[in-house]
């Protein structure tokens, strides 16, 4: 049986799947409400998966795929349907994962972000980081922030992405979107170039190396609002990851720079709800004087206390947010314990706050 990619993509949309997996040795598979379900039909051969991957790979990415064995790109399927694709070579042959991107932007309210985030997005300078594991919704959160700025502020927004997943038309702002591997060779190159293009806001798809991290901090210090992502969990780990990227002798200086340039860290996890949908739970740290001092002094292990007492500034701890979602009936107890930072403390809080609600 020969699988037709358009039919697989239609099945993906019709079944509400988040991902389509193409692997040799089994039929194409869909991730539906968290579960992997195979499409009815024969297992794909290595020759078939290679042909499917090759047919979708943009010409600009062929050399990169050949040399690195994987690449990311985005494609449009039909009107209003856009996908992010990771193509790769594995032991059994070629494969790829196609992720369906939301067809419309979420508002910050729909994402459950506090009103204080809008105040941060109005600032003329600073570094806002959205962090979390792969697949936690970081790109969606950043796209919603960029869309809010685009609709409510005026200026020049530059995005540097790998790949471009959400397309932002000009609204109140002028928007320039550039793709790594197609329009430029690296995030660091794109950031250096962006600083010569009169930007007000710069989105960096991923702070993946020392050069990009250093350039992002400098851009935030010199009068630009910079938004970016890191594959870390929690504010403290994010600060430590940034500092640890630098040589030992540079770390005191970087802590000092972060203490003045960092505006907020939004760390998120994507949970399954009790009705089999998806929802993000957040740890949000907004940098105030107390947080700034701890970053500068290398006392990141004390940041959770500031986060837990900073609700007036829009801060929230991950465990506190999970507990709120649980008592609202949005997520199950099992899901809470899958993601919470302190299971023992969570059990105590569940008993105590549950008894108080009764």
C-alpha atoms as a PDB file:
ATOM      1  CA  UNK A   1       0.000   0.000   0.000  1.00  0.00           C
ATOM      2  CA  UNK A   2       1.380   3.408  -0.973  1.00  0.00           C
ATOM      3  CA  UNK A   3       0.593   6.164   1.522  1.00  0.00           C
ATOM      4  CA  UNK A   4      -0.212   9.601   0.110  1.00  0.00           C
ATOM      5  CA  UNK A   5       1.113  12.415   2.291  1.00  0.00           C
ATOM      6  CA  UNK A   6      -1.877  14.703   1.682  1.00  0.00           C
ATOM      7  CA  UNK A   7      -4.225  11.932   2.862  1.00  0.00           C
ATOM      8  CA  UNK A   8      -2.138  11.400   5.996  1.00  0.00           C
ATOM      9  CA  UNK A   9      -2.221  15.124   6.745  1.00  0.00           C
ATOM     10  CA  UNK A  10      -5.997  15.177   6.216  1.00  0.00           C
ATOM     11  CA  UNK A  11      -6.320  12.261   8.649  1.00  0.00           C
ATOM     12  CA  UNK A  12      -4.169  14.158  11.107  1.00  0.00           C
ATOM     13  CA  UNK A  13      -6.438  17.219  10.966  1.00  0.00           C
ATOM     14  CA  UNK A  14      -9.690  15.228  11.012  1.00  0.00           C
ATOM     15  CA  UNK A  15      -8.633  13.153  14.043  1.00  0.00           C
ATOM     16  CA  UNK A  16      -7.347  16.115  16.043  1.00  0.00           C
ATOM     17  CA  UNK A  17      -3.840  14.659  16.120  1.00  0.00           C
ATOM     18  CA  UNK A  18      -0.972  16.784  17.377  1.00  0.00           C
ATOM     19  CA  UNK A  19       1.755  14.848  15.519  1.00  0.00           C
ATOM     20  CA  UNK A  20       2.274  12.535  12.560  1.00  0.00           C
ATOM     21  CA  UNK A  21       5.169  10.045  12.834  1.00  0.00           C
ATOM     22  CA  UNK A  22       6.799   8.529   9.757  1.00  0.00           C
ATOM     23  CA  UNK A  23       9.103   5.591  10.638  1.00  0.00           C
ATOM     24  CA  UNK A  24      10.306   2.537   8.767  1.00  0.00           C
ATOM     25  CA  UNK A  25       8.949  -0.737  10.164  1.00  0.00           C
ATOM     26  CA  UNK A  26       5.450   0.422  11.114  1.00  0.00           C
ATOM     27  CA  UNK A  27       2.533   2.241   9.508  1.00  0.00           C
ATOM     28  CA  UNK A  28       2.343   6.029   9.790  1.00  0.00           C
ATOM     29  CA  UNK A  29       1.262   6.914  13.345  1.00  0.00           C
ATOM     30  CA  UNK A  30      -0.739   9.747  14.860  1.00  0.00           C
ATOM     31  CA  UNK A  31      -0.514  11.148  18.364  1.00  0.00           C
ATOM     32  CA  UNK A  32      -4.134  11.608  19.410  1.00  0.00           C
ATOM     33  CA  UNK A  33      -4.925  12.890  22.924  1.00  0.00           C
ATOM     34  CA  UNK A  34      -1.510  11.801  24.113  1.00  0.00           C
ATOM     35  CA  UNK A  35      -1.542   8.280  22.627  1.00  0.00           C
ATOM     36  CA  UNK A  36       0.305   6.989  19.541  1.00  0.00           C
ATOM     37  CA  UNK A  37      -2.155   5.318  17.153  1.00  0.00           C
ATOM     38  CA  UNK A  38      -1.117   3.667  13.883  1.00  0.00           C
ATOM     39  CA  UNK A  39      -2.955   4.401  10.657  1.00  0.00           C
ATOM     40  CA  UNK A  40      -4.568   1.281   9.193  1.00  0.00           C
ATOM     41  CA  UNK A  41      -2.294  -0.272   6.584  1.00  0.00           C
ATOM     42  CA  UNK A  42       1.066  -1.889   5.964  1.00  0.00           C
ATOM     43  CA  UNK A  43       4.312  -0.993   7.687  1.00  0.00           C
ATOM     44  CA  UNK A  44       6.470   1.514   5.846  1.00  0.00           C
ATOM     45  CA  UNK A  45       9.693   0.304   4.258  1.00  0.00           C
ATOM     46  CA  UNK A  46      12.982   2.190   4.499  1.00  0.00           C
ATOM     47  CA  UNK A  47      12.712   3.070   0.812  1.00  0.00           C
ATOM     48  CA  UNK A  48       9.217   4.503   1.326  1.00  0.00           C
ATOM     49  CA  UNK A  49      10.213   6.665   4.302  1.00  0.00           C
ATOM     50  CA  UNK A  50      13.263   7.955   2.422  1.00  0.00           C
ATOM     51  CA  UNK A  51      11.063   8.912  -0.527  1.00  0.00           C
ATOM     52  CA  UNK A  52       8.542  10.665   1.753  1.00  0.00           C
ATOM     53  CA  UNK A  53      11.234  12.629   3.576  1.00  0.00           C
ATOM     54  CA  UNK A  54      13.038  13.581   0.368  1.00  0.00           C
ATOM     55  CA  UNK A  55       9.788  14.764  -1.232  1.00  0.00           C
ATOM     56  CA  UNK A  56       9.104  17.191   1.630  1.00  0.00           C
ATOM     57  CA  UNK A  57      12.627  18.484   2.298  1.00  0.00           C
ATOM     58  CA  UNK A  58      13.044  22.068   1.041  1.00  0.00           C
ATOM     59  CA  UNK A  59      15.968  22.479  -1.339  1.00  0.00           C
ATOM     60  CA  UNK A  60      17.620  24.925   1.063  1.00  0.00           C
ATOM     61  CA  UNK A  61      17.853  22.184   3.706  1.00  0.00           C
ATOM     62  CA  UNK A  62      19.178  19.311   1.592  1.00  0.00           C
ATOM     63  CA  UNK A  63      22.850  20.023   2.329  1.00  0.00           C
ATOM     64  CA  UNK A  64      22.182  20.451   6.042  1.00  0.00           C
ATOM     65  CA  UNK A  65      20.258  17.179   6.214  1.00  0.00           C
ATOM     66  CA  UNK A  66      23.036  15.377   4.340  1.00  0.00           C
ATOM     67  CA  UNK A  67      25.775  16.669   6.654  1.00  0.00           C
ATOM     68  CA  UNK A  68      23.970  16.699  10.027  1.00  0.00           C
ATOM     69  CA  UNK A  69      21.458  13.882   9.630  1.00  0.00           C
ATOM     70  CA  UNK A  70      18.477  15.995  10.687  1.00  0.00           C
ATOM     71  CA  UNK A  71      16.847  19.356  10.113  1.00  0.00           C
ATOM     72  CA  UNK A  72      13.764  21.341  11.063  1.00  0.00           C
ATOM     73  CA  UNK A  73      11.481  23.208   8.708  1.00  0.00           C
ATOM     74  CA  UNK A  74       7.880  24.380   8.477  1.00  0.00           C
ATOM     75  CA  UNK A  75       5.344  23.875   5.727  1.00  0.00           C
ATOM     76  CA  UNK A  76       1.806  24.913   4.869  1.00  0.00           C
ATOM     77  CA  UNK A  77      -0.609  22.111   4.075  1.00  0.00           C
ATOM     78  CA  UNK A  78      -3.748  23.965   3.099  1.00  0.00           C
ATOM     79  CA  UNK A  79      -5.276  27.311   3.950  1.00  0.00           C
ATOM     80  CA  UNK A  80      -4.786  27.951   7.657  1.00  0.00           C
ATOM     81  CA  UNK A  81      -2.960  24.657   8.341  1.00  0.00           C
ATOM     82  CA  UNK A  82       0.756  24.870   9.089  1.00  0.00           C
ATOM     83  CA  UNK A  83       3.138  22.208  10.367  1.00  0.00           C
ATOM     84  CA  UNK A  84       6.586  22.031  11.917  1.00  0.00           C
ATOM     85  CA  UNK A  85       8.654  19.145  10.591  1.00  0.00           C
ATOM     86  CA  UNK A  86      11.731  17.409  12.004  1.00  0.00           C
ATOM     87  CA  UNK A  87      13.295  15.105   9.432  1.00  0.00           C
ATOM     88  CA  UNK A  88      16.076  12.730  10.477  1.00  0.00           C
ATOM     89  CA  UNK A  89      18.144   9.670   9.653  1.00  0.00           C
ATOM     90  CA  UNK A  90      18.034   6.795  12.113  1.00  0.00           C
ATOM     91  CA  UNK A  91      19.253   3.218  12.385  1.00  0.00           C
ATOM     92  CA  UNK A  92      16.236   1.935  10.481  1.00  0.00           C
ATOM     93  CA  UNK A  93      16.375   4.634   7.811  1.00  0.00           C
ATOM     94  CA  UNK A  94      14.809   8.044   7.231  1.00  0.00           C
ATOM     95  CA  UNK A  95      11.990   9.331   9.403  1.00  0.00           C
ATOM     96  CA  UNK A  96      10.164  12.498  10.355  1.00  0.00           C
ATOM     97  CA  UNK A  97       7.714  13.959  12.818  1.00  0.00           C
ATOM     98  CA  UNK A  98       5.193  16.540  11.632  1.00  0.00           C
ATOM     99  CA  UNK A  99       3.585  18.663  14.344  1.00  0.00           C
ATOM    100  CA  UNK A 100       0.340  20.501  13.666  1.00  0.00           C
ATOM    101  CA  UNK A 101       0.586  24.148  14.675  1.00  0.00           C
ATOM    102  CA  UNK A 102      -2.452  25.973  16.068  1.00  0.00           C
ATOM    103  CA  UNK A 103      -4.377  27.667  13.258  1.00  0.00           C
ATOM    104  CA  UNK A 104      -4.843  30.868  15.227  1.00  0.00           C
ATOM    105  CA  UNK A 105      -3.000  32.831  17.860  1.00  0.00           C
ATOM    106  CA  UNK A 106      -3.981  32.402  21.480  1.00  0.00           C
ATOM    107  CA  UNK A 107      -4.504  35.474  23.603  1.00  0.00           C
ATOM    108  CA  UNK A 108      -2.400  35.852  26.730  1.00  0.00           C
ATOM    109  CA  UNK A 109      -5.595  35.351  28.739  1.00  0.00           C
ATOM    110  CA  UNK A 110      -6.321  32.057  26.951  1.00  0.00           C
ATOM    111  CA  UNK A 111      -2.812  30.904  27.866  1.00  0.00           C
ATOM    112  CA  UNK A 112      -3.513  31.796  31.517  1.00  0.00           C
ATOM    113  CA  UNK A 113      -0.679  34.311  31.691  1.00  0.00           C
ATOM    114  CA  UNK A 114      -1.125  37.053  34.313  1.00  0.00           C
ATOM    115  CA  UNK A 115      -1.853  40.687  33.328  1.00  0.00           C
ATOM    116  CA  UNK A 116       1.614  41.635  34.618  1.00  0.00           C
ATOM    117  CA  UNK A 117       3.112  40.009  31.500  1.00  0.00           C
ATOM    118  CA  UNK A 118       1.627  42.787  29.369  1.00  0.00           C
ATOM    119  CA  UNK A 119       3.484  45.360  31.464  1.00  0.00           C
ATOM    120  CA  UNK A 120       6.736  43.501  30.771  1.00  0.00           C
ATOM    121  CA  UNK A 121       5.993  43.406  27.033  1.00  0.00           C
ATOM    122  CA  UNK A 122       5.555  47.179  27.040  1.00  0.00           C
ATOM    123  CA  UNK A 123       9.089  47.726  28.286  1.00  0.00           C
ATOM    124  CA  UNK A 124      11.650  49.204  25.921  1.00  0.00           C
ATOM    125  CA  UNK A 125      14.427  46.855  27.017  1.00  0.00           C
ATOM    126  CA  UNK A 126      15.093  43.618  28.848  1.00  0.00           C
ATOM    127  CA  UNK A 127      15.313  39.847  28.346  1.00  0.00           C
ATOM    128  CA  UNK A 128      12.238  37.619  28.691  1.00  0.00           C
ATOM    129  CA  UNK A 129      12.875  33.868  28.548  1.00  0.00           C
ATOM    130  CA  UNK A 130      10.262  31.176  27.960  1.00  0.00           C
ATOM    131  CA  UNK A 131      11.643  27.809  29.028  1.00  0.00           C
ATOM    132  CA  UNK A 132      10.595  24.188  29.239  1.00  0.00           C
ATOM    133  CA  UNK A 133      11.188  20.801  27.639  1.00  0.00           C
ATOM    134  CA  UNK A 134      10.599  20.097  23.957  1.00  0.00           C
ATOM    135  CA  UNK A 135       6.878  20.060  23.180  1.00  0.00           C
ATOM    136  CA  UNK A 136       5.849  22.152  26.182  1.00  0.00           C
ATOM    137  CA  UNK A 137       4.363  24.977  24.080  1.00  0.00           C
ATOM    138  CA  UNK A 138       7.178  27.523  24.312  1.00  0.00           C
ATOM    139  CA  UNK A 139       6.854  28.568  20.672  1.00  0.00           C
ATOM    140  CA  UNK A 140       3.107  29.086  21.035  1.00  0.00           C
ATOM    141  CA  UNK A 141       3.607  31.260  24.120  1.00  0.00           C
ATOM    142  CA  UNK A 142       6.251  33.380  22.387  1.00  0.00           C
ATOM    143  CA  UNK A 143       4.104  33.738  19.265  1.00  0.00           C
ATOM    144  CA  UNK A 144       1.212  34.984  21.396  1.00  0.00           C
ATOM    145  CA  UNK A 145       3.493  37.528  23.072  1.00  0.00           C
ATOM    146  CA  UNK A 146       4.784  38.763  19.709  1.00  0.00           C
ATOM    147  CA  UNK A 147       1.201  38.992  18.437  1.00  0.00           C
ATOM    148  CA  UNK A 148       0.183  41.055  21.488  1.00  0.00           C
ATOM    149  CA  UNK A 149       3.063  43.471  20.904  1.00  0.00           C
ATOM    150  CA  UNK A 150       2.179  43.593  17.204  1.00  0.00           C
ATOM    151  CA  UNK A 151      -1.400  44.553  18.018  1.00  0.00           C
ATOM    152  CA  UNK A 152      -0.811  46.913  20.938  1.00  0.00           C
ATOM    153  CA  UNK A 153       2.563  48.610  20.442  1.00  0.00           C
ATOM    154  CA  UNK A 154       4.373  50.332  17.594  1.00  0.00           C
ATOM    155  CA  UNK A 155       7.869  49.517  16.400  1.00  0.00           C
ATOM    156  CA  UNK A 156       9.975  47.008  14.473  1.00  0.00           C
ATOM    157  CA  UNK A 157       9.819  43.336  15.484  1.00  0.00           C
ATOM    158  CA  UNK A 158      12.504  40.973  14.162  1.00  0.00           C
ATOM    159  CA  UNK A 159      12.145  37.221  14.648  1.00  0.00           C
ATOM    160  CA  UNK A 160      15.025  34.761  14.156  1.00  0.00           C
ATOM    161  CA  UNK A 161      13.677  31.220  14.097  1.00  0.00           C
ATOM    162  CA  UNK A 162      14.539  27.643  13.140  1.00  0.00           C
ATOM    163  CA  UNK A 163      12.098  27.152  11.505  1.00  0.00           C
ATOM    164  CA  UNK A 164       9.490  29.928  11.203  1.00  0.00           C
ATOM    165  CA  UNK A 165       6.394  28.322  12.705  1.00  0.00           C
ATOM    166  CA  UNK A 166       3.947  31.197  13.131  1.00  0.00           C
ATOM    167  CA  UNK A 167       3.678  33.838  10.423  1.00  0.00           C
ATOM    168  CA  UNK A 168       3.132  37.367  11.759  1.00  0.00           C
ATOM    169  CA  UNK A 169       1.613  39.892   9.343  1.00  0.00           C
ATOM    170  CA  UNK A 170       2.301  43.606   9.805  1.00  0.00           C
ATOM    171  CA  UNK A 171      -0.255  45.092  12.215  1.00  0.00           C
ATOM    172  CA  UNK A 172       0.664  48.053  14.418  1.00  0.00           C
ATOM    173  CA  UNK A 173       4.286  46.968  14.055  1.00  0.00           C
ATOM    174  CA  UNK A 174       6.613  46.281  11.163  1.00  0.00           C
ATOM    175  CA  UNK A 175       7.535  42.582  11.370  1.00  0.00           C
ATOM    176  CA  UNK A 176      10.619  40.980   9.792  1.00  0.00           C
ATOM    177  CA  UNK A 177      10.902  37.189  10.061  1.00  0.00           C
ATOM    178  CA  UNK A 178      14.140  35.362   9.198  1.00  0.00           C
ATOM    179  CA  UNK A 179      14.815  31.629   9.185  1.00  0.00           C
ATOM    180  CA  UNK A 180      18.044  29.915  10.180  1.00  0.00           C
ATOM    181  CA  UNK A 181      19.275  27.686   7.367  1.00  0.00           C
ATOM    182  CA  UNK A 182      17.332  29.612   4.741  1.00  0.00           C
ATOM    183  CA  UNK A 183      17.908  33.330   5.328  1.00  0.00           C
ATOM    184  CA  UNK A 184      20.959  33.096   7.592  1.00  0.00           C
ATOM    185  CA  UNK A 185      23.413  30.528   8.912  1.00  0.00           C
ATOM    186  CA  UNK A 186      22.898  30.773  12.695  1.00  0.00           C
ATOM    187  CA  UNK A 187      20.993  32.462  15.496  1.00  0.00           C
ATOM    188  CA  UNK A 188      24.118  34.412  16.452  1.00  0.00           C
ATOM    189  CA  UNK A 189      24.541  35.736  12.917  1.00  0.00           C
ATOM    190  CA  UNK A 190      20.865  36.703  12.785  1.00  0.00           C
ATOM    191  CA  UNK A 191      21.123  38.541  16.093  1.00  0.00           C
ATOM    192  CA  UNK A 192      24.223  40.476  15.030  1.00  0.00           C
ATOM    193  CA  UNK A 193      22.482  41.420  11.794  1.00  0.00           C
ATOM    194  CA  UNK A 194      19.255  42.364  13.604  1.00  0.00           C
ATOM    195  CA  UNK A 195      21.051  44.989  15.673  1.00  0.00           C
ATOM    196  CA  UNK A 196      21.827  46.863  12.435  1.00  0.00           C
ATOM    197  CA  UNK A 197      18.190  46.818  11.311  1.00  0.00           C
ATOM    198  CA  UNK A 198      16.732  49.322  13.805  1.00  0.00           C
ATOM    199  CA  UNK A 199      14.774  46.778  15.912  1.00  0.00           C
ATOM    200  CA  UNK A 200      12.631  47.452  18.956  1.00  0.00           C
ATOM    201  CA  UNK A 201      11.810  43.804  19.715  1.00  0.00           C
ATOM    202  CA  UNK A 202      13.929  40.763  18.835  1.00  0.00           C
ATOM    203  CA  UNK A 203      12.663  37.189  19.107  1.00  0.00           C
ATOM    204  CA  UNK A 204      15.367  34.501  19.179  1.00  0.00           C
ATOM    205  CA  UNK A 205      13.960  31.032  18.599  1.00  0.00           C
ATOM    206  CA  UNK A 206      16.549  29.355  20.822  1.00  0.00           C
ATOM    207  CA  UNK A 207      19.545  30.476  22.889  1.00  0.00           C
ATOM    208  CA  UNK A 208      21.473  27.355  21.974  1.00  0.00           C
ATOM    209  CA  UNK A 209      25.116  28.421  22.264  1.00  0.00           C
ATOM    210  CA  UNK A 210      27.437  30.785  24.117  1.00  0.00           C
ATOM    211  CA  UNK A 211      27.683  33.263  21.246  1.00  0.00           C
ATOM    212  CA  UNK A 212      23.897  33.632  20.974  1.00  0.00           C
ATOM    213  CA  UNK A 213      23.419  33.921  24.752  1.00  0.00           C
ATOM    214  CA  UNK A 214      26.084  36.609  24.982  1.00  0.00           C
ATOM    215  CA  UNK A 215      24.605  38.566  22.064  1.00  0.00           C
ATOM    216  CA  UNK A 216      21.077  38.327  23.525  1.00  0.00           C
ATOM    217  CA  UNK A 217      22.180  39.686  26.912  1.00  0.00           C
ATOM    218  CA  UNK A 218      24.066  42.533  25.228  1.00  0.00           C
ATOM    219  CA  UNK A 219      21.057  43.389  23.041  1.00  0.00           C
ATOM    220  CA  UNK A 220      18.796  43.495  26.106  1.00  0.00           C
ATOM    221  CA  UNK A 221      21.287  45.766  27.897  1.00  0.00           C
ATOM    222  CA  UNK A 222      21.547  48.193  24.987  1.00  0.00           C
ATOM    223  CA  UNK A 223      17.902  49.144  24.652  1.00  0.00           C
ATOM    224  CA  UNK A 224      16.030  46.270  23.022  1.00  0.00           C
ATOM    225  CA  UNK A 225      13.299  43.955  24.249  1.00  0.00           C
ATOM    226  CA  UNK A 226      14.610  40.432  23.606  1.00  0.00           C
ATOM    227  CA  UNK A 227      12.488  37.286  23.846  1.00  0.00           C
ATOM    228  CA  UNK A 228      13.944  33.801  23.613  1.00  0.00           C
ATOM    229  CA  UNK A 229      13.711  30.171  24.661  1.00  0.00           C
ATOM    230  CA  UNK A 230      15.853  27.673  26.537  1.00  0.00           C
ATOM    231  CA  UNK A 231      15.343  23.943  27.091  1.00  0.00           C
ATOM    232  CA  UNK A 232      15.433  24.247  30.875  1.00  0.00           C
ATOM    233  CA  UNK A 233      12.872  23.736  33.620  1.00  0.00           C
ATOM    234  CA  UNK A 234      12.387  26.377  36.289  1.00  0.00           C
ATOM    235  CA  UNK A 235      13.812  29.842  36.841  1.00  0.00           C
ATOM    236  CA  UNK A 236      16.760  28.742  38.985  1.00  0.00           C
ATOM    237  CA  UNK A 237      17.917  26.123  36.468  1.00  0.00           C
ATOM    238  CA  UNK A 238      17.540  28.665  33.671  1.00  0.00           C
ATOM    239  CA  UNK A 239      19.820  31.176  35.404  1.00  0.00           C
ATOM    240  CA  UNK A 240      22.347  28.439  36.186  1.00  0.00           C
ATOM    241  CA  UNK A 241      22.265  27.208  32.577  1.00  0.00           C
ATOM    242  CA  UNK A 242      22.986  30.708  31.253  1.00  0.00           C
ATOM    243  CA  UNK A 243      25.827  31.313  33.692  1.00  0.00           C
ATOM    244  CA  UNK A 244      27.339  27.846  33.215  1.00  0.00           C
ATOM    245  CA  UNK A 245      27.582  28.448  29.464  1.00  0.00           C
ATOM    246  CA  UNK A 246      30.430  30.899  30.162  1.00  0.00           C
ATOM    247  CA  UNK A 247      34.015  30.205  31.261  1.00  0.00           C
ATOM    248  CA  UNK A 248      34.619  30.297  35.037  1.00  0.00           C
ATOM    249  CA  UNK A 249      36.360  33.663  34.970  1.00  0.00           C
ATOM    250  CA  UNK A 250      33.432  35.312  33.134  1.00  0.00           C
ATOM    251  CA  UNK A 251      30.638  34.050  35.378  1.00  0.00           C
ATOM    252  CA  UNK A 252      30.628  36.868  37.984  1.00  0.00           C
ATOM    253  CA  UNK A 253      30.320  39.406  35.171  1.00  0.00           C
ATOM    254  CA  UNK A 254      27.493  37.464  33.493  1.00  0.00           C
ATOM    255  CA  UNK A 255      25.589  37.159  36.783  1.00  0.00           C
ATOM    256  CA  UNK A 256      25.901  40.916  37.165  1.00  0.00           C
ATOM    257  CA  UNK A 257      24.671  41.488  33.590  1.00  0.00           C
ATOM    258  CA  UNK A 258      21.733  39.110  34.056  1.00  0.00           C
ATOM    259  CA  UNK A 259      20.753  40.776  37.309  1.00  0.00           C
ATOM    260  CA  UNK A 260      20.107  44.027  35.404  1.00  0.00           C
ATOM    261  CA  UNK A 261      19.057  42.807  31.947  1.00  0.00           C
ATOM    262  CA  UNK A 262      16.802  39.829  32.741  1.00  0.00           C
ATOM    263  CA  UNK A 263      13.138  40.818  33.038  1.00  0.00           C
ATOM    264  CA  UNK A 264      11.333  37.515  33.540  1.00  0.00           C
ATOM    265  CA  UNK A 265      11.553  33.743  33.194  1.00  0.00           C
ATOM    266  CA  UNK A 266       8.383  31.891  32.231  1.00  0.00           C
ATOM    267  CA  UNK A 267       8.904  28.148  32.626  1.00  0.00           C
ATOM    268  CA  UNK A 268       6.128  25.894  31.422  1.00  0.00           C
ATOM    269  CA  UNK A 269       5.004  22.289  31.225  1.00  0.00           C
ATOM    270  CA  UNK A 270       2.222  20.990  28.987  1.00  0.00           C
ATOM    271  CA  UNK A 271      -0.289  18.791  30.803  1.00  0.00           C
ATOM    272  CA  UNK A 272      -3.197  16.634  29.721  1.00  0.00           C
ATOM    273  CA  UNK A 273      -6.521  17.802  31.135  1.00  0.00           C
ATOM    274  CA  UNK A 274      -9.254  15.597  32.534  1.00  0.00           C
ATOM    275  CA  UNK A 275     -11.142  15.984  29.241  1.00  0.00           C
ATOM    276  CA  UNK A 276      -8.076  14.924  27.177  1.00  0.00           C
ATOM    277  CA  UNK A 277      -7.080  18.404  26.033  1.00  0.00           C
ATOM    278  CA  UNK A 278      -3.814  20.232  26.720  1.00  0.00           C
ATOM    279  CA  UNK A 279      -3.050  23.047  29.149  1.00  0.00           C
ATOM    280  CA  UNK A 280       0.156  24.729  30.241  1.00  0.00           C
ATOM    281  CA  UNK A 281       1.196  25.063  33.875  1.00  0.00           C
ATOM    282  CA  UNK A 282       3.705  27.790  34.675  1.00  0.00           C
ATOM    283  CA  UNK A 283       6.436  28.920  36.980  1.00  0.00           C
ATOM    284  CA  UNK A 284       6.753  32.679  36.471  1.00  0.00           C
ATOM    285  CA  UNK A 285       9.592  34.713  37.922  1.00  0.00           C
ATOM    286  CA  UNK A 286       9.616  38.487  37.458  1.00  0.00           C
ATOM    287  CA  UNK A 287      12.907  40.163  38.298  1.00  0.00           C
ATOM    288  CA  UNK A 288      12.583  42.670  41.146  1.00  0.00           C
ATOM    289  CA  UNK A 289      15.295  44.005  43.461  1.00  0.00           C
ATOM    290  CA  UNK A 290      15.332  40.877  45.645  1.00  0.00           C
ATOM    291  CA  UNK A 291      15.526  38.510  42.661  1.00  0.00           C
ATOM    292  CA  UNK A 292      18.175  40.676  41.009  1.00  0.00           C
ATOM    293  CA  UNK A 293      20.354  40.525  44.145  1.00  0.00           C
ATOM    294  CA  UNK A 294      20.118  36.713  44.308  1.00  0.00           C
ATOM    295  CA  UNK A 295      21.076  36.382  40.644  1.00  0.00           C
ATOM    296  CA  UNK A 296      24.045  38.702  41.140  1.00  0.00           C
ATOM    297  CA  UNK A 297      25.185  36.844  44.276  1.00  0.00           C
ATOM    298  CA  UNK A 298      24.760  33.379  42.756  1.00  0.00           C
ATOM    299  CA  UNK A 299      22.017  32.394  45.224  1.00  0.00           C
ATOM    300  CA  UNK A 300      19.615  30.940  42.694  1.00  0.00           C
ATOM    301  CA  UNK A 301      18.634  28.177  45.127  1.00  0.00           C
ATOM    302  CA  UNK A 302      16.772  30.870  47.109  1.00  0.00           C
ATOM    303  CA  UNK A 303      14.687  32.150  44.176  1.00  0.00           C
ATOM    304  CA  UNK A 304      11.690  29.899  44.848  1.00  0.00           C
ATOM    305  CA  UNK A 305      10.925  31.834  48.038  1.00  0.00           C
ATOM    306  CA  UNK A 306      10.708  35.091  46.075  1.00  0.00           C
ATOM    307  CA  UNK A 307       8.541  33.433  43.426  1.00  0.00           C
ATOM    308  CA  UNK A 308       6.108  32.057  46.014  1.00  0.00           C
ATOM    309  CA  UNK A 309       5.720  35.470  47.692  1.00  0.00           C
ATOM    310  CA  UNK A 310       5.603  37.525  44.467  1.00  0.00           C
ATOM    311  CA  UNK A 311       1.994  36.977  43.381  1.00  0.00           C
ATOM    312  CA  UNK A 312       1.354  40.741  43.315  1.00  0.00           C
ATOM    313  CA  UNK A 313       3.961  41.032  40.545  1.00  0.00           C
ATOM    314  CA  UNK A 314       2.471  38.156  38.546  1.00  0.00           C
ATOM    315  CA  UNK A 315       4.795  35.481  39.908  1.00  0.00           C
ATOM    316  CA  UNK A 316       3.691  31.923  40.555  1.00  0.00           C
ATOM    317  CA  UNK A 317       5.401  28.656  41.398  1.00  0.00           C
ATOM    318  CA  UNK A 318       4.863  25.582  39.260  1.00  0.00           C
ATOM    319  CA  UNK A 319       3.571  23.531  42.188  1.00  0.00           C
ATOM    320  CA  UNK A 320       1.193  26.312  43.165  1.00  0.00           C
ATOM    321  CA  UNK A 321      -0.153  26.503  39.615  1.00  0.00           C
ATOM    322  CA  UNK A 322      -0.531  22.720  39.439  1.00  0.00           C
ATOM    323  CA  UNK A 323      -2.418  22.724  42.716  1.00  0.00           C
ATOM    324  CA  UNK A 324      -4.766  25.432  41.427  1.00  0.00           C
ATOM    325  CA  UNK A 325      -5.492  23.446  38.258  1.00  0.00           C
ATOM    326  CA  UNK A 326      -6.110  20.311  40.331  1.00  0.00           C
ATOM    327  CA  UNK A 327      -8.626  21.943  42.672  1.00  0.00           C
ATOM    328  CA  UNK A 328     -10.415  23.440  39.661  1.00  0.00           C
ATOM    329  CA  UNK A 329     -10.820  19.892  38.341  1.00  0.00           C
ATOM    330  CA  UNK A 330      -8.797  20.693  35.206  1.00  0.00           C
ATOM    331  CA  UNK A 331      -6.039  18.107  35.739  1.00  0.00           C
ATOM    332  CA  UNK A 332      -5.893  14.815  37.609  1.00  0.00           C
ATOM    333  CA  UNK A 333      -3.902  14.079  40.746  1.00  0.00           C
ATOM    334  CA  UNK A 334      -1.712  11.705  38.720  1.00  0.00           C
ATOM    335  CA  UNK A 335      -0.898  14.464  36.240  1.00  0.00           C
ATOM    336  CA  UNK A 336       0.026  16.822  39.072  1.00  0.00           C
ATOM    337  CA  UNK A 337       2.518  14.311  40.439  1.00  0.00           C
ATOM    338  CA  UNK A 338       3.937  13.736  36.958  1.00  0.00           C
ATOM    339  CA  UNK A 339       5.086  17.362  36.825  1.00  0.00           C
ATOM    340  CA  UNK A 340       5.381  18.768  40.354  1.00  0.00           C
ATOM    341  CA  UNK A 341       8.784  19.698  41.758  1.00  0.00           C
ATOM    342  CA  UNK A 342       8.251  18.405  45.294  1.00  0.00           C
ATOM    343  CA  UNK A 343       5.899  15.384  45.524  1.00  0.00           C
ATOM    344  CA  UNK A 344       6.152  15.152  49.330  1.00  0.00           C
ATOM    345  CA  UNK A 345       5.269  18.827  49.818  1.00  0.00           C
ATOM    346  CA  UNK A 346       2.507  18.509  47.214  1.00  0.00           C
ATOM    347  CA  UNK A 347       0.845  15.683  49.159  1.00  0.00           C
ATOM    348  CA  UNK A 348       0.835  17.819  52.292  1.00  0.00           C
ATOM    349  CA  UNK A 349      -0.592  20.813  50.421  1.00  0.00           C
ATOM    350  CA  UNK A 350      -3.273  18.707  48.757  1.00  0.00           C
ATOM    351  CA  UNK A 351      -4.442  17.363  52.114  1.00  0.00           C
ATOM    352  CA  UNK A 352      -4.267  20.724  53.847  1.00  0.00           C
ATOM    353  CA  UNK A 353      -5.913  22.854  51.160  1.00  0.00           C
ATOM    354  CA  UNK A 354      -8.401  20.100  50.339  1.00  0.00           C
ATOM    355  CA  UNK A 355      -9.508  19.989  53.982  1.00  0.00           C
ATOM    356  CA  UNK A 356      -9.777  23.795  54.072  1.00  0.00           C
ATOM    357  CA  UNK A 357     -12.001  23.786  50.976  1.00  0.00           C
ATOM    358  CA  UNK A 358     -14.288  21.246  52.614  1.00  0.00           C
END
